[in-house]
Protein backbone atom coordinates (compact mmCIF):
# COMPACT_ATOMS: atom_id res chain seq x y z
CA MET A 1 -0.18 -0.03 -0.19
CA ALA A 2 1.46 3.56 -0.73
CA LYS A 3 2.12 5.78 1.69
CA ARG A 4 -0.60 8.87 2.07
CA ILE A 5 1.01 12.46 1.75
CA LYS A 6 -0.21 15.10 3.99
CA ASN A 7 0.57 17.82 1.78
CA GLU A 8 0.73 16.92 -2.09
CA GLU A 9 1.05 20.43 -3.28
CA GLN A 10 4.40 21.11 -0.61
CA TYR A 11 5.64 17.40 -1.75
CA GLU A 12 5.65 18.41 -5.49
CA THR A 13 7.16 21.45 -4.51
CA LEU A 14 10.25 19.94 -2.58
CA ARG A 15 10.41 17.38 -5.55
CA ASP A 16 10.84 20.10 -7.86
CA LYS A 17 13.52 21.74 -6.14
CA GLY A 18 15.63 18.31 -5.94
CA TYR A 19 14.81 16.44 -2.93
CA SER A 20 14.12 13.07 -2.58
CA GLN A 21 10.97 11.33 -2.55
CA GLU A 22 11.69 9.86 1.15
CA LYS A 23 12.86 13.52 2.32
CA ALA A 24 9.74 15.03 0.83
CA ALA A 25 7.48 13.06 2.10
CA ARG A 26 8.93 13.27 5.16
CA ILE A 27 8.55 17.24 5.58
CA ALA A 28 5.55 17.11 3.82
CA ASN A 29 4.07 14.72 6.24
CA THR A 30 4.92 16.46 9.29
CA GLU A 31 2.37 18.17 11.56
CA ASN A 32 1.55 21.65 10.46
CA SER A 33 3.05 21.06 7.13
CA GLY A 34 2.96 24.03 4.86
CA GLU A 35 1.24 26.86 7.10
CA LYS A 36 3.56 29.78 8.00
CA GLY A 37 5.12 30.11 10.84
CA GLY A 38 6.54 33.01 12.90
CA LYS A 39 5.57 31.91 16.17
CA ALA A 40 7.63 29.34 17.00
CA GLU A 41 10.62 29.86 19.19
CA LYS A 42 13.95 30.46 18.20
CA TYR A 43 16.47 27.93 18.09
CA GLU A 44 18.94 29.15 20.47
CA GLU A 45 15.56 29.76 23.00
CA ARG A 46 14.76 25.95 22.98
CA SER A 47 15.92 23.36 24.70
CA LYS A 48 18.59 20.57 23.37
CA GLU A 49 15.93 17.84 24.12
CA ASP A 50 13.82 20.12 21.99
CA LEU A 51 15.98 20.91 19.40
CA TYR A 52 17.02 16.89 19.29
CA GLU A 53 13.10 15.89 18.79
CA GLN A 54 12.73 18.27 16.09
CA ALA A 55 15.98 16.82 14.39
CA LYS A 56 14.52 13.63 14.94
CA LYS A 57 10.89 14.21 13.50
CA VAL A 58 12.91 15.32 10.39
CA GLY A 59 15.50 12.31 10.10
CA ILE A 60 18.91 14.26 11.02
CA GLU A 61 21.29 11.50 11.50
CA GLY A 62 23.75 11.43 14.17
CA ARG A 63 21.55 13.64 15.88
CA SER A 64 22.22 11.72 19.42
CA LYS A 65 26.16 12.86 19.28
CA MET A 66 25.26 16.55 18.35
CA SER A 67 25.80 19.28 20.70
CA LYS A 68 22.89 22.24 20.62
CA GLU A 69 25.03 24.65 18.65
CA GLU A 70 25.32 21.39 16.26
CA LEU A 71 21.70 20.67 16.20
CA ILE A 72 20.85 24.44 15.64
CA LYS A 73 23.14 24.19 12.54
CA ALA A 74 21.74 20.91 11.19
CA LEU A 75 18.10 22.27 11.68
CA ARG A 76 18.78 25.40 9.58
CA ASN A 77 20.74 23.46 6.91
CA ASN A 78 17.82 20.43 6.51
C-alpha cells in the first residue's frame, strides 16, 4: 500500500527543488506542514531536548551525538 502524503502541494514543490522522495514525503507529512510560521521560538531559546526531538522528526542522522549548537546548524541546513 502506498503511503499517503498529507500536503501534496508541498511534496511536489520539494520534489521540483530536487529533494528525494523520502525527504520530501517526510517534510510534507510533518504536523502543520506548509503552514506559515513565525510563532515558534528561536532555536537558541529552545532546549537541547526540544531541538533533538525536532531533528528526530525531520530525520537528521547523528543527532544523538550533536551539541545544541550542532543541532541548530543541522536543523537550519535541513
